[in-house]
Amino acid sequence: MKIIIAGAGKVGSTLTKVLSADGHDITLIDSKKEALNAACQLYDVMGLEGNCATLDALSQAGAAEADLLIAVTNADEVNLLCCVTARQLNPAIHTIVRIRNAEYTAQMLEMREVFGLSLIVNPERSAALEIERLLRYPGFLTREVFARGRLELVEFKLKKDSPLAGLKLKDISSVLKTKVLICAVMRGSSITLPGGDYELKTDDRIYMTAPSHELGKILRELGVITRKVKRVILGGGGLISVHLGQMLEKDGIKVQIIDQDRARCEELARLLPSATICCGDITDLSTLEREGLSSCDAFVALTGMDELNIIMSLYANSQKVPIVITKQGHIEELQDIIGELSLGSVISPKQLCSDIVVRYVRSMRDTDGESALTVQTVAGGQVQACEFAIGPASLHKNTPLSELKIRPGVLISAIFHEGQVMIANGSSVYQEGDSVIVISTETKNIQRFSDIFA
């Protein structure tokens, strides 16, 4: 497909990387020459310097013949105008718009058809939703949902006293007392899709598929004692903090936000009347002590600086805060570093946004039901998890998995059959009407179900 991406920032560059790798014809527009040239050279795509909201720029980019426009500049208003202008040039074009301002959210959803918007994405709101899920079910570093909420891909780190340390994968189910599948292990910065004889070690980051209703039992068997979150401190008063604060207030959780910008604090007090807003320096230990960091249930580092978020999360961890969550904007570039640090759960708004857009793009050219229903990335983008619906044309139905020739670096982890989740093994089969969860490493370009086979 011919796709125009307006904005060469974090999200735009991530989408350019993924969608160009999927074989799409990409044209990238940005008014900043340096950022544009860097992305075009890195991903070998066409670039156009200019204002993406103008008829002239969009015409030069080929909007009249394009299949899709993705507007992800830093300005909501520019993104919206860009989509409306593109629709004027090409009424059939699909448009995806990034809207970040929390005050626009409800309005955009109501006026979506008026502006002809195919999809509205909000990285900050997506990040807030993910953080809220982690706070509701503490104990796992990440949680991705599949099979209509009945299956989850969870991440946790093996501590020294974990009952799984030193154990081979084939013996895991007997310890956890439920059927699970360890589908990926990150050791240091390297990722492995392990076999049954793989031995787990302390500090491994484990990615496990398990039925959602078994997660509580798994945590108990791992020796992880969870308690209900009652008070959360948010470091930084940006857009994620606003969305998250509103969600947590509805959950009855006490929210404290620390930000050093007085004008922003006044705005936060207006947007979050039930929250406690502290105007202070998050790096000032006396401020953190005064706000009761060491006695809170969770700390979420949400400043606009990755390095500061890392430092504050490390400090919160040293103060024995039970749950620590760290926002990172450059998670792929820093994966080798942050993978070794005690940062708790790491959230990447741009990666969450990219997953939503990629899922939509793949569905656009799904003419035979082969494209993924759900696409999620974990391990700093090194592992992809996809859910595929099995249709009439799907290959190898009713064939035991042990007889299939599946590409290296690809694993079928679970099958959703007639409302029931089955963790996959060699004797498992899938049938028409089922959905299949596939795990693959970043080196495998899995867009369609048929791509998993050798």
Foldseek 3Di string as FASTA:
>chain_A
DEEEEEALPLLSLVLLQQVVVVVYQYEYEEQDPVSQVVSCVVSVHHYDHDQLLDLVRCVVSPLLPGQEYEYDHPDQVSQLSNLLSSCVSHVNHAYEGEDADPVCVVVCVVCVVVSVHNYYDYLLLLLLVQVVVCLQPPDFQGWDADDVRFKIWTKDFAAPPFPQAFPFQLCVCVLLVHDKAFQWKQDQLDIDRDDRRDGHHHGIITIMMDTPVSVVSNCVSRVNDDDRFAEEEEEALDSSCLSNLVVVVVVNHAYEYEAQDPVSQVVSCVSRVRYHYHNDDLPDVVVCVVVPLLPHQEYEYDHPDQVVQQVSQLVSVVSVRPAAEGEDAQCLVCLSPCSNGDRRHYTHSSQSRSQVVLLVVLVVPPPPQFFFNGWHADSSRFKIKTKGAAAPPDPDAPHFQLPFAFDPQKDFQWKQDPNDIDGHDRRDGHHHGIMIMMMGGNVQSDGGNVSGGD
